[in-house]
């Protein structure tokens, strides 16, 4: 695996750059829509990396329509290990994202249900993984995945901080998703209005040319669209454009 970081600047994961409480406060100050969605989510991952001691790499997993994907990551190692779990169809990050629970895997995972993944992670230099679900309003919006190359056991205080961070992050992730869907719906509505407008213009051209009704003009457009295998909107635009030539 390539361990070079290619996504997100982040810190060094030593946890000395930022007090966890300051990171929580910064999460709460994130303004949705002020920056692109990916940039906002990468900021969440960077804050986790900087504020949780002993964590070298971080990623965020989201499950959409039953399919998992990594939204952002602070380094290539995190992305590779996430993808390995997606390929297996089983792993701590998947279970955490689906259930909202916290799943910790130590060492080579002997005796763990995740031992195959744990051995892959161990060979890549990871000694501990912690995947923390992000529950919100009775459902899980995803998972915060933390990867540590330190040999020392994960402290109970780190687990508590990670779970608290994930709780704050859940609201950000959910709001980013809601905002993105709203923008997409607005774009779709605008395109639909533009399509309707150009079709109405094309109907007017045909009505004037063929001395027919609006319904008859639309039938002409529909038949031509089907016969020429051209989208109705594109055909209508060509009709309108022909009047300006």
C-alpha atoms as a PDB file:
ATOM      1  CA  UNK A   1       0.000   0.000   0.000  1.00  0.00           C
ATOM      2  CA  UNK A   2       1.060   3.563  -0.687  1.00  0.00           C
ATOM      3  CA  UNK A   3       1.198   5.369   2.640  1.00  0.00           C
ATOM      4  CA  UNK A   4       1.743   8.884   1.274  1.00  0.00           C
ATOM      5  CA  UNK A   5      -0.968  11.392   2.156  1.00  0.00           C
ATOM      6  CA  UNK A   6      -2.745  12.651  -0.965  1.00  0.00           C
ATOM      7  CA  UNK A   7      -5.942  14.096   0.442  1.00  0.00           C
ATOM      8  CA  UNK A   8      -6.079  16.718   3.191  1.00  0.00           C
ATOM      9  CA  UNK A   9      -3.174  18.469   4.777  1.00  0.00           C
ATOM     10  CA  UNK A  10      -3.981  17.682   8.417  1.00  0.00           C
ATOM     11  CA  UNK A  11      -1.405  17.633  11.159  1.00  0.00           C
ATOM     12  CA  UNK A  12       0.826  14.824  12.248  1.00  0.00           C
ATOM     13  CA  UNK A  13      -1.763  13.153  14.413  1.00  0.00           C
ATOM     14  CA  UNK A  14       0.238  13.667  17.595  1.00  0.00           C
ATOM     15  CA  UNK A  15      -2.713  15.365  19.255  1.00  0.00           C
ATOM     16  CA  UNK A  16      -0.530  18.175  20.618  1.00  0.00           C
ATOM     17  CA  UNK A  17      -1.700  20.836  18.133  1.00  0.00           C
ATOM     18  CA  UNK A  18      -5.212  21.318  19.448  1.00  0.00           C
ATOM     19  CA  UNK A  19      -7.139  20.776  22.651  1.00  0.00           C
ATOM     20  CA  UNK A  20     -10.139  18.451  22.039  1.00  0.00           C
ATOM     21  CA  UNK A  21     -12.536  21.017  23.527  1.00  0.00           C
ATOM     22  CA  UNK A  22     -11.243  23.626  21.082  1.00  0.00           C
ATOM     23  CA  UNK A  23     -11.820  21.173  18.225  1.00  0.00           C
ATOM     24  CA  UNK A  24     -15.411  20.583  19.379  1.00  0.00           C
ATOM     25  CA  UNK A  25     -15.974  24.336  19.488  1.00  0.00           C
ATOM     26  CA  UNK A  26     -14.561  24.729  15.986  1.00  0.00           C
ATOM     27  CA  UNK A  27     -16.858  21.996  14.684  1.00  0.00           C
ATOM     28  CA  UNK A  28     -19.844  23.842  16.095  1.00  0.00           C
ATOM     29  CA  UNK A  29     -18.748  27.026  14.299  1.00  0.00           C
ATOM     30  CA  UNK A  30     -18.592  25.465  10.833  1.00  0.00           C
ATOM     31  CA  UNK A  31     -21.036  27.279   8.549  1.00  0.00           C
ATOM     32  CA  UNK A  32     -22.614  24.904   6.040  1.00  0.00           C
ATOM     33  CA  UNK A  33     -22.420  26.250   2.506  1.00  0.00           C
ATOM     34  CA  UNK A  34     -19.616  28.679   3.275  1.00  0.00           C
ATOM     35  CA  UNK A  35     -17.145  26.301   1.599  1.00  0.00           C
ATOM     36  CA  UNK A  36     -17.569  23.385  -0.838  1.00  0.00           C
ATOM     37  CA  UNK A  37     -18.908  20.201   0.777  1.00  0.00           C
ATOM     38  CA  UNK A  38     -15.660  18.254   0.336  1.00  0.00           C
ATOM     39  CA  UNK A  39     -13.619  21.055   1.879  1.00  0.00           C
ATOM     40  CA  UNK A  40     -15.952  21.204   4.878  1.00  0.00           C
ATOM     41  CA  UNK A  41     -15.778  17.448   5.431  1.00  0.00           C
ATOM     42  CA  UNK A  42     -12.009  17.432   5.026  1.00  0.00           C
ATOM     43  CA  UNK A  43     -11.869  20.051   7.773  1.00  0.00           C
ATOM     44  CA  UNK A  44     -13.748  17.640  10.039  1.00  0.00           C
ATOM     45  CA  UNK A  45     -11.211  14.873   9.337  1.00  0.00           C
ATOM     46  CA  UNK A  46      -8.281  17.246   9.868  1.00  0.00           C
ATOM     47  CA  UNK A  47      -9.677  18.400  13.217  1.00  0.00           C
ATOM     48  CA  UNK A  48     -10.025  14.791  14.355  1.00  0.00           C
ATOM     49  CA  UNK A  49      -6.454  14.030  13.342  1.00  0.00           C
ATOM     50  CA  UNK A  50      -5.084  17.110  15.085  1.00  0.00           C
ATOM     51  CA  UNK A  51      -7.037  16.806  18.325  1.00  0.00           C
ATOM     52  CA  UNK A  52      -6.958  13.064  19.060  1.00  0.00           C
ATOM     53  CA  UNK A  53      -3.540  12.007  20.433  1.00  0.00           C
ATOM     54  CA  UNK A  54      -1.873   8.996  18.861  1.00  0.00           C
ATOM     55  CA  UNK A  55      -4.055   9.032  15.730  1.00  0.00           C
ATOM     56  CA  UNK A  56      -2.055   9.262  12.508  1.00  0.00           C
ATOM     57  CA  UNK A  57      -4.779   9.063   9.853  1.00  0.00           C
ATOM     58  CA  UNK A  58      -8.518   9.678   9.692  1.00  0.00           C
ATOM     59  CA  UNK A  59     -11.312   9.034   7.208  1.00  0.00           C
ATOM     60  CA  UNK A  60     -15.075   9.483   7.051  1.00  0.00           C
ATOM     61  CA  UNK A  61     -17.316   6.700   5.770  1.00  0.00           C
ATOM     62  CA  UNK A  62     -20.826   7.296   4.448  1.00  0.00           C
ATOM     63  CA  UNK A  63     -23.276   4.618   3.332  1.00  0.00           C
ATOM     64  CA  UNK A  64     -25.607   5.713   0.527  1.00  0.00           C
ATOM     65  CA  UNK A  65     -28.208   3.359  -0.940  1.00  0.00           C
ATOM     66  CA  UNK A  66     -26.486   0.501   0.855  1.00  0.00           C
ATOM     67  CA  UNK A  67     -23.088   1.266  -0.700  1.00  0.00           C
ATOM     68  CA  UNK A  68     -20.186   2.550   1.426  1.00  0.00           C
ATOM     69  CA  UNK A  69     -17.763   5.210   0.285  1.00  0.00           C
ATOM     70  CA  UNK A  70     -15.026   7.259   1.897  1.00  0.00           C
ATOM     71  CA  UNK A  71     -15.998  10.917   1.808  1.00  0.00           C
ATOM     72  CA  UNK A  72     -12.594  12.322   2.749  1.00  0.00           C
ATOM     73  CA  UNK A  73      -9.330  11.080   4.219  1.00  0.00           C
ATOM     74  CA  UNK A  74      -6.182  12.628   5.652  1.00  0.00           C
ATOM     75  CA  UNK A  75      -3.797  10.091   4.119  1.00  0.00           C
ATOM     76  CA  UNK A  76      -3.595   7.311   1.549  1.00  0.00           C
ATOM     77  CA  UNK A  77      -3.275   4.614   4.211  1.00  0.00           C
ATOM     78  CA  UNK A  78      -6.718   5.409   5.648  1.00  0.00           C
ATOM     79  CA  UNK A  79      -8.287   5.373   2.189  1.00  0.00           C
ATOM     80  CA  UNK A  80      -6.636   2.045   1.292  1.00  0.00           C
ATOM     81  CA  UNK A  81      -7.769   0.352   4.500  1.00  0.00           C
ATOM     82  CA  UNK A  82     -11.311   1.680   4.063  1.00  0.00           C
ATOM     83  CA  UNK A  83     -11.388   0.313   0.520  1.00  0.00           C
ATOM     84  CA  UNK A  84     -10.095  -3.051   1.716  1.00  0.00           C
ATOM     85  CA  UNK A  85     -13.103  -3.313   4.039  1.00  0.00           C
ATOM     86  CA  UNK A  86     -15.491  -2.293   1.267  1.00  0.00           C
ATOM     87  CA  UNK A  87     -13.994  -5.003  -0.967  1.00  0.00           C
ATOM     88  CA  UNK A  88     -14.421  -7.584   1.799  1.00  0.00           C
ATOM     89  CA  UNK A  89     -17.939  -6.333   2.513  1.00  0.00           C
ATOM     90  CA  UNK A  90     -17.078  -6.553   6.194  1.00  0.00           C
ATOM     91  CA  UNK A  91     -15.043  -4.511   8.638  1.00  0.00           C
ATOM     92  CA  UNK A  92     -15.109  -2.206  11.656  1.00  0.00           C
ATOM     93  CA  UNK A  93     -15.716   0.960   9.642  1.00  0.00           C
ATOM     94  CA  UNK A  94     -18.749  -0.613   7.945  1.00  0.00           C
ATOM     95  CA  UNK A  95     -20.256  -1.861  11.196  1.00  0.00           C
ATOM     96  CA  UNK A  96     -19.667   1.450  12.970  1.00  0.00           C
ATOM     97  CA  UNK A  97     -21.188   3.459  10.115  1.00  0.00           C
ATOM     98  CA  UNK A  98     -24.250   1.208   9.985  1.00  0.00           C
ATOM     99  CA  UNK A  99     -24.898   0.814  13.701  1.00  0.00           C
ATOM    100  CA  UNK A 100     -23.594   4.053  15.193  1.00  0.00           C
ATOM    101  CA  UNK A 101     -21.457   2.044  17.632  1.00  0.00           C
ATOM    102  CA  UNK A 102     -17.727   2.216  18.369  1.00  0.00           C
ATOM    103  CA  UNK A 103     -15.590  -0.669  17.098  1.00  0.00           C
ATOM    104  CA  UNK A 104     -11.937  -1.023  18.177  1.00  0.00           C
ATOM    105  CA  UNK A 105      -9.470  -3.507  16.683  1.00  0.00           C
ATOM    106  CA  UNK A 106      -6.044  -3.962  18.282  1.00  0.00           C
ATOM    107  CA  UNK A 107      -2.917  -5.606  16.961  1.00  0.00           C
ATOM    108  CA  UNK A 108      -3.349  -8.476  14.536  1.00  0.00           C
ATOM    109  CA  UNK A 109      -6.909  -9.030  15.730  1.00  0.00           C
ATOM    110  CA  UNK A 110      -6.442 -12.629  16.886  1.00  0.00           C
ATOM    111  CA  UNK A 111      -9.800 -13.783  18.178  1.00  0.00           C
ATOM    112  CA  UNK A 112     -11.523 -10.767  16.683  1.00  0.00           C
ATOM    113  CA  UNK A 113     -14.283 -11.115  14.068  1.00  0.00           C
ATOM    114  CA  UNK A 114     -12.238  -8.616  12.051  1.00  0.00           C
ATOM    115  CA  UNK A 115      -8.991 -10.604  12.190  1.00  0.00           C
ATOM    116  CA  UNK A 116      -8.533 -10.749   8.386  1.00  0.00           C
ATOM    117  CA  UNK A 117      -8.788  -6.972   8.087  1.00  0.00           C
ATOM    118  CA  UNK A 118      -6.703  -6.509  11.258  1.00  0.00           C
ATOM    119  CA  UNK A 119      -3.850  -8.539   9.769  1.00  0.00           C
ATOM    120  CA  UNK A 120      -3.938  -6.478   6.577  1.00  0.00           C
ATOM    121  CA  UNK A 121      -3.829  -3.294   8.664  1.00  0.00           C
ATOM    122  CA  UNK A 122      -1.032  -4.683  10.868  1.00  0.00           C
ATOM    123  CA  UNK A 123       1.098  -5.475   7.814  1.00  0.00           C
ATOM    124  CA  UNK A 124       0.570  -1.870   6.692  1.00  0.00           C
ATOM    125  CA  UNK A 125       1.944  -0.645  10.030  1.00  0.00           C
ATOM    126  CA  UNK A 126      -1.361   0.079  11.781  1.00  0.00           C
ATOM    127  CA  UNK A 127      -1.479  -1.157  15.360  1.00  0.00           C
ATOM    128  CA  UNK A 128      -4.958   0.050  16.350  1.00  0.00           C
ATOM    129  CA  UNK A 129      -8.084   1.067  14.491  1.00  0.00           C
ATOM    130  CA  UNK A 130     -11.092   2.753  16.018  1.00  0.00           C
ATOM    131  CA  UNK A 131     -14.243   3.304  13.987  1.00  0.00           C
ATOM    132  CA  UNK A 132     -16.812   5.502  15.691  1.00  0.00           C
ATOM    133  CA  UNK A 133     -20.379   5.672  14.466  1.00  0.00           C
ATOM    134  CA  UNK A 134     -21.930   9.097  14.029  1.00  0.00           C
ATOM    135  CA  UNK A 135     -25.476   8.751  15.393  1.00  0.00           C
ATOM    136  CA  UNK A 136     -27.957  11.565  14.925  1.00  0.00           C
ATOM    137  CA  UNK A 137     -31.699  11.620  15.632  1.00  0.00           C
ATOM    138  CA  UNK A 138     -31.952   7.869  16.024  1.00  0.00           C
ATOM    139  CA  UNK A 139     -29.906   6.940  12.948  1.00  0.00           C
ATOM    140  CA  UNK A 140     -26.243   6.730  11.989  1.00  0.00           C
ATOM    141  CA  UNK A 141     -25.071   9.195   9.355  1.00  0.00           C
ATOM    142  CA  UNK A 142     -21.681   7.512   8.893  1.00  0.00           C
ATOM    143  CA  UNK A 143     -18.484   6.539  10.624  1.00  0.00           C
ATOM    144  CA  UNK A 144     -15.323   8.307  11.788  1.00  0.00           C
ATOM    145  CA  UNK A 145     -12.352   5.991  11.190  1.00  0.00           C
ATOM    146  CA  UNK A 146      -9.170   6.486  13.199  1.00  0.00           C
ATOM    147  CA  UNK A 147      -5.909   4.703  12.417  1.00  0.00           C
ATOM    148  CA  UNK A 148      -2.955   4.550  14.820  1.00  0.00           C
ATOM    149  CA  UNK A 149       0.548   3.272  14.136  1.00  0.00           C
ATOM    150  CA  UNK A 150       1.548   3.637  17.803  1.00  0.00           C
ATOM    151  CA  UNK A 151       2.153   0.461  19.743  1.00  0.00           C
ATOM    152  CA  UNK A 152       0.724   1.774  23.020  1.00  0.00           C
ATOM    153  CA  UNK A 153      -2.875   0.731  23.791  1.00  0.00           C
ATOM    154  CA  UNK A 154      -5.615   3.250  23.086  1.00  0.00           C
ATOM    155  CA  UNK A 155      -6.502   5.073  26.288  1.00  0.00           C
ATOM    156  CA  UNK A 156     -10.055   5.212  27.594  1.00  0.00           C
ATOM    157  CA  UNK A 157      -9.885   9.019  27.488  1.00  0.00           C
ATOM    158  CA  UNK A 158      -9.080   8.874  23.765  1.00  0.00           C
ATOM    159  CA  UNK A 159     -12.135   6.714  23.129  1.00  0.00           C
ATOM    160  CA  UNK A 160     -14.304   9.170  25.070  1.00  0.00           C
ATOM    161  CA  UNK A 161     -12.916  12.138  23.134  1.00  0.00           C
ATOM    162  CA  UNK A 162     -13.361  10.335  19.818  1.00  0.00           C
ATOM    163  CA  UNK A 163     -16.983   9.515  20.603  1.00  0.00           C
ATOM    164  CA  UNK A 164     -17.662  13.099  21.682  1.00  0.00           C
ATOM    165  CA  UNK A 165     -16.007  14.390  18.515  1.00  0.00           C
ATOM    166  CA  UNK A 166     -18.072  12.002  16.367  1.00  0.00           C
ATOM    167  CA  UNK A 167     -21.239  13.317  18.014  1.00  0.00           C
ATOM    168  CA  UNK A 168     -20.387  16.876  16.957  1.00  0.00           C
ATOM    169  CA  UNK A 169     -19.193  15.701  13.530  1.00  0.00           C
ATOM    170  CA  UNK A 170     -22.459  13.840  12.887  1.00  0.00           C
ATOM    171  CA  UNK A 171     -24.393  17.105  12.809  1.00  0.00           C
ATOM    172  CA  UNK A 172     -21.906  18.637  10.366  1.00  0.00           C
ATOM    173  CA  UNK A 173     -21.973  15.605   8.041  1.00  0.00           C
ATOM    174  CA  UNK A 174     -25.776  15.447   8.089  1.00  0.00           C
ATOM    175  CA  UNK A 175     -26.107  19.179   7.409  1.00  0.00           C
ATOM    176  CA  UNK A 176     -23.598  19.031   4.571  1.00  0.00           C
ATOM    177  CA  UNK A 177     -25.651  16.237   2.993  1.00  0.00           C
ATOM    178  CA  UNK A 178     -28.912  18.143   3.433  1.00  0.00           C
ATOM    179  CA  UNK A 179     -27.393  21.284   1.916  1.00  0.00           C
ATOM    180  CA  UNK A 180     -25.974  19.356  -1.061  1.00  0.00           C
ATOM    181  CA  UNK A 181     -29.335  17.708  -1.751  1.00  0.00           C
ATOM    182  CA  UNK A 182     -31.101  21.071  -1.557  1.00  0.00           C
ATOM    183  CA  UNK A 183     -28.656  22.559  -4.066  1.00  0.00           C
ATOM    184  CA  UNK A 184     -29.151  19.581  -6.357  1.00  0.00           C
ATOM    185  CA  UNK A 185     -32.933  19.924  -6.174  1.00  0.00           C
ATOM    186  CA  UNK A 186     -32.660  23.634  -6.942  1.00  0.00           C
ATOM    187  CA  UNK A 187     -30.450  22.906  -9.954  1.00  0.00           C
ATOM    188  CA  UNK A 188     -32.886  20.248 -11.191  1.00  0.00           C
ATOM    189  CA  UNK A 189     -35.814  22.649 -10.803  1.00  0.00           C
ATOM    190  CA  UNK A 190     -33.993  25.372 -12.708  1.00  0.00           C
ATOM    191  CA  UNK A 191     -33.128  22.961 -15.532  1.00  0.00           C
ATOM    192  CA  UNK A 192     -36.733  21.760 -15.649  1.00  0.00           C
ATOM    193  CA  UNK A 193     -37.985  25.347 -15.925  1.00  0.00           C
ATOM    194  CA  UNK A 194     -35.483  26.096 -18.681  1.00  0.00           C
ATOM    195  CA  UNK A 195     -36.525  22.951 -20.548  1.00  0.00           C
ATOM    196  CA  UNK A 196     -40.191  23.861 -20.301  1.00  0.00           C
ATOM    197  CA  UNK A 197     -39.476  27.387 -21.521  1.00  0.00           C
ATOM    198  CA  UNK A 198     -37.594  26.260 -24.635  1.00  0.00           C
ATOM    199  CA  UNK A 199     -40.261  23.666 -25.463  1.00  0.00           C
ATOM    200  CA  UNK A 200     -42.940  26.342 -25.217  1.00  0.00           C
ATOM    201  CA  UNK A 201     -40.898  28.552 -27.538  1.00  0.00           C
ATOM    202  CA  UNK A 202     -40.512  25.710 -30.045  1.00  0.00           C
ATOM    203  CA  UNK A 203     -44.259  25.026 -29.926  1.00  0.00           C
ATOM    204  CA  UNK A 204     -44.870  28.663 -30.728  1.00  0.00           C
ATOM    205  CA  UNK A 205     -42.568  28.458 -33.748  1.00  0.00           C
ATOM    206  CA  UNK A 206     -44.348  25.353 -35.070  1.00  0.00           C
ATOM    207  CA  UNK A 207     -47.805  26.824 -34.399  1.00  0.00           C
ATOM    208  CA  UNK A 208     -46.900  29.904 -36.430  1.00  0.00           C
ATOM    209  CA  UNK A 209     -45.328  27.898 -39.205  1.00  0.00           C
ATOM    210  CA  UNK A 210     -47.918  25.113 -39.545  1.00  0.00           C
ATOM    211  CA  UNK A 211     -51.007  26.992 -38.377  1.00  0.00           C
ATOM    212  CA  UNK A 212     -51.759  24.333 -35.771  1.00  0.00           C
ATOM    213  CA  UNK A 213     -52.784  24.164 -32.120  1.00  0.00           C
ATOM    214  CA  UNK A 214     -50.422  23.933 -29.148  1.00  0.00           C
ATOM    215  CA  UNK A 215     -51.229  20.236 -28.666  1.00  0.00           C
ATOM    216  CA  UNK A 216     -50.582  19.520 -32.343  1.00  0.00           C
ATOM    217  CA  UNK A 217     -47.281  21.400 -32.192  1.00  0.00           C
ATOM    218  CA  UNK A 218     -46.201  19.322 -29.179  1.00  0.00           C
ATOM    219  CA  UNK A 219     -47.139  16.125 -31.052  1.00  0.00           C
ATOM    220  CA  UNK A 220     -44.915  17.240 -33.932  1.00  0.00           C
ATOM    221  CA  UNK A 221     -42.010  17.772 -31.527  1.00  0.00           C
ATOM    222  CA  UNK A 222     -42.573  14.410 -29.827  1.00  0.00           C
ATOM    223  CA  UNK A 223     -42.677  12.482 -33.129  1.00  0.00           C
ATOM    224  CA  UNK A 224     -39.539  14.187 -34.426  1.00  0.00           C
ATOM    225  CA  UNK A 225     -37.764  13.520 -31.130  1.00  0.00           C
ATOM    226  CA  UNK A 226     -38.547   9.810 -31.300  1.00  0.00           C
ATOM    227  CA  UNK A 227     -37.796   9.511 -35.030  1.00  0.00           C
ATOM    228  CA  UNK A 228     -34.455  11.331 -34.818  1.00  0.00           C
ATOM    229  CA  UNK A 229     -33.492   9.825 -31.431  1.00  0.00           C
ATOM    230  CA  UNK A 230     -32.894  13.313 -30.046  1.00  0.00           C
ATOM    231  CA  UNK A 231     -33.908  14.537 -26.596  1.00  0.00           C
ATOM    232  CA  UNK A 232     -37.043  16.643 -26.692  1.00  0.00           C
ATOM    233  CA  UNK A 233     -35.299  19.637 -25.145  1.00  0.00           C
ATOM    234  CA  UNK A 234     -32.410  19.500 -27.633  1.00  0.00           C
ATOM    235  CA  UNK A 235     -34.829  19.238 -30.553  1.00  0.00           C
ATOM    236  CA  UNK A 236     -36.871  22.150 -29.225  1.00  0.00           C
ATOM    237  CA  UNK A 237     -33.693  24.231 -28.878  1.00  0.00           C
ATOM    238  CA  UNK A 238     -32.761  23.483 -32.505  1.00  0.00           C
ATOM    239  CA  UNK A 239     -36.231  24.613 -33.628  1.00  0.00           C
ATOM    240  CA  UNK A 240     -35.869  27.860 -31.704  1.00  0.00           C
ATOM    241  CA  UNK A 241     -32.317  28.401 -32.969  1.00  0.00           C
ATOM    242  CA  UNK A 242     -33.456  27.914 -36.576  1.00  0.00           C
ATOM    243  CA  UNK A 243     -35.574  31.063 -36.364  1.00  0.00           C
ATOM    244  CA  UNK A 244     -32.550  33.228 -35.629  1.00  0.00           C
ATOM    245  CA  UNK A 245     -30.437  32.041 -38.555  1.00  0.00           C
END
